[in-house]
Amino acid sequence: MSNKYRKFDATLFVRKAMRDRKEMKAELNELRYFLDRNVERRTEQLLKRITLLESCNATLCCKLTLAEKEIAALKQLPALTLPRKSAEQRDRAMKPYVMSNQAQKAAELIIIQGKWGKHATAT
């Protein structure tokens, strides 16, 4: 009888091993399917990005070419020189700044002499 049990156990073991093998094969096929699907999706996304980046690159190249042409055209124009200001014109331009500096110095003198406090106002 023990021989029958051994044969039965052996067939059970083989059947279980075959079932496990089939389950693993099915699981591997399922994982392969998901992997293939994910690779396809990612490839599509990357192709879309590549297309967009190539389009942006082409646009930027066009803009760069136009800018270079404009710069070259500007370099060929005769140099424009602005007329120099006379000493009188410079003095007139600086006069408001000189007056404000003089007024500031006068106010500092008044504060130093103690006529007004630091935060006093004229009344």
Protein backbone atom coordinates (compact mmCIF):
# COMPACT_ATOMS: atom_id res chain seq x y z
CA MET A 1 0.00 0.00 0.00
CA SER A 2 2.77 2.38 0.70
CA ASN A 3 3.78 2.04 -2.95
CA LYS A 4 0.32 3.30 -4.03
CA TYR A 5 0.59 6.30 -1.73
CA ARG A 6 4.01 7.12 -3.08
CA LYS A 7 2.73 7.03 -6.64
CA PHE A 8 -0.27 9.13 -5.62
CA ASP A 9 1.97 11.65 -3.83
CA ALA A 10 4.30 11.79 -6.83
CA THR A 11 1.42 12.45 -9.23
CA LEU A 12 0.03 15.10 -6.89
CA PHE A 13 3.44 16.71 -6.70
CA VAL A 14 3.82 16.68 -10.50
CA ARG A 15 0.29 18.04 -10.97
CA LYS A 16 0.92 20.80 -8.43
CA ALA A 17 4.24 21.67 -10.11
CA MET A 18 2.55 21.80 -13.53
CA ARG A 19 -0.27 23.97 -12.16
CA ASP A 20 2.25 26.32 -10.52
CA ARG A 21 4.17 26.46 -13.80
CA LYS A 22 1.00 27.36 -15.74
CA GLU A 23 0.09 30.04 -13.17
CA MET A 24 3.58 31.56 -13.37
CA LYS A 25 3.44 31.47 -17.18
CA ALA A 26 0.05 33.24 -17.14
CA GLU A 27 1.38 35.82 -14.67
CA LEU A 28 4.47 36.42 -16.82
CA ASN A 29 2.30 36.86 -19.92
CA GLU A 30 0.13 39.37 -18.04
CA LEU A 31 3.19 41.30 -16.85
CA ARG A 32 4.66 41.24 -20.38
CA TYR A 33 1.38 42.68 -21.69
CA PHE A 34 1.42 45.51 -19.11
CA LEU A 35 5.09 46.20 -19.82
CA ASP A 36 4.49 46.35 -23.59
CA ARG A 37 1.50 48.64 -23.09
CA ASN A 38 3.49 50.97 -20.81
CA VAL A 39 6.40 51.05 -23.27
CA GLU A 40 4.01 51.97 -26.11
CA ARG A 41 2.40 54.75 -24.07
CA ARG A 42 5.73 56.17 -22.99
CA THR A 43 7.05 56.01 -26.55
CA GLU A 44 4.00 57.92 -27.81
CA GLN A 45 4.47 60.57 -25.11
CA LEU A 46 8.15 60.96 -25.95
CA LEU A 47 7.42 61.20 -29.69
CA LYS A 48 4.89 63.97 -28.99
CA ARG A 49 7.47 65.82 -26.89
CA ILE A 50 10.11 65.38 -29.57
CA THR A 51 7.73 66.81 -32.18
CA LEU A 52 6.92 69.78 -29.95
CA LEU A 53 10.58 70.46 -29.16
CA GLU A 54 11.58 70.23 -32.82
CA SER A 55 8.83 72.71 -33.67
CA CYS A 56 10.03 75.09 -30.93
CA ASN A 57 13.60 74.69 -32.13
CA ALA A 58 12.61 75.54 -35.70
CA THR A 59 10.73 78.64 -34.51
CA LEU A 60 13.66 79.80 -32.39
CA CYS A 61 16.07 79.22 -35.29
CA CYS A 62 13.89 81.42 -37.51
CA LYS A 63 13.79 84.16 -34.87
CA LEU A 64 17.55 83.93 -34.39
CA THR A 65 18.13 84.21 -38.13
CA LEU A 66 15.88 87.28 -38.32
CA ALA A 67 17.64 88.88 -35.35
CA GLU A 68 21.04 88.22 -36.92
CA LYS A 69 19.87 89.80 -40.19
CA GLU A 70 18.57 92.86 -38.32
CA ILE A 71 21.83 93.22 -36.42
CA ALA A 72 23.82 92.93 -39.64
CA ALA A 73 21.60 95.60 -41.25
CA LEU A 74 22.06 97.90 -38.25
CA LYS A 75 25.83 97.45 -38.36
CA GLN A 76 25.87 98.61 -41.97
CA LEU A 77 24.06 101.87 -41.17
CA PRO A 78 26.33 104.90 -40.72
CA ALA A 79 27.07 105.57 -37.09
CA LEU A 80 24.71 108.13 -35.67
CA THR A 81 26.39 110.67 -33.43
CA LEU A 82 24.49 112.83 -31.03
CA PRO A 83 25.53 116.49 -30.82
CA ARG A 84 27.61 117.20 -27.77
CA LYS A 85 26.11 119.42 -25.10
CA SER A 86 27.74 122.74 -24.49
CA ALA A 87 29.05 123.66 -21.07
CA GLU A 88 26.07 125.99 -20.60
CA GLN A 89 23.58 123.21 -21.36
CA ARG A 90 25.34 120.89 -18.91
CA ASP A 91 25.28 123.59 -16.22
CA ARG A 92 21.55 124.14 -16.75
CA ALA A 93 20.94 120.43 -16.48
CA MET A 94 22.93 120.22 -13.24
CA LYS A 95 21.48 123.40 -11.65
CA PRO A 96 18.44 121.72 -10.01
CA TYR A 97 20.72 119.14 -8.41
CA VAL A 98 23.11 121.83 -7.16
CA MET A 99 20.22 123.82 -5.64
CA SER A 100 18.83 120.78 -3.91
CA ASN A 101 22.28 120.02 -2.49
CA GLN A 102 22.58 123.65 -1.25
CA ALA A 103 19.15 123.48 0.37
CA GLN A 104 20.08 120.22 2.05
CA LYS A 105 23.30 121.73 3.42
CA ALA A 106 21.39 124.78 4.75
CA ALA A 107 18.92 122.51 6.52
CA GLU A 108 21.79 120.55 8.06
CA LEU A 109 23.33 123.81 9.34
CA ILE A 110 20.03 124.85 10.94
CA ILE A 111 19.74 121.47 12.67
CA ILE A 112 23.36 121.63 13.84
CA GLN A 113 22.88 125.15 15.25
CA GLY A 114 19.98 123.79 17.30
CA LYS A 115 17.26 125.98 15.86
CA TRP A 116 15.24 122.92 14.86
CA GLY A 117 15.20 119.48 16.33
CA LYS A 118 15.97 116.52 14.13
CA HIS A 119 12.30 115.78 13.55
CA ALA A 120 11.00 119.34 13.83
CA THR A 121 8.87 120.90 11.16
CA ALA A 122 8.79 124.52 10.05
CA THR A 123 5.82 126.50 11.41
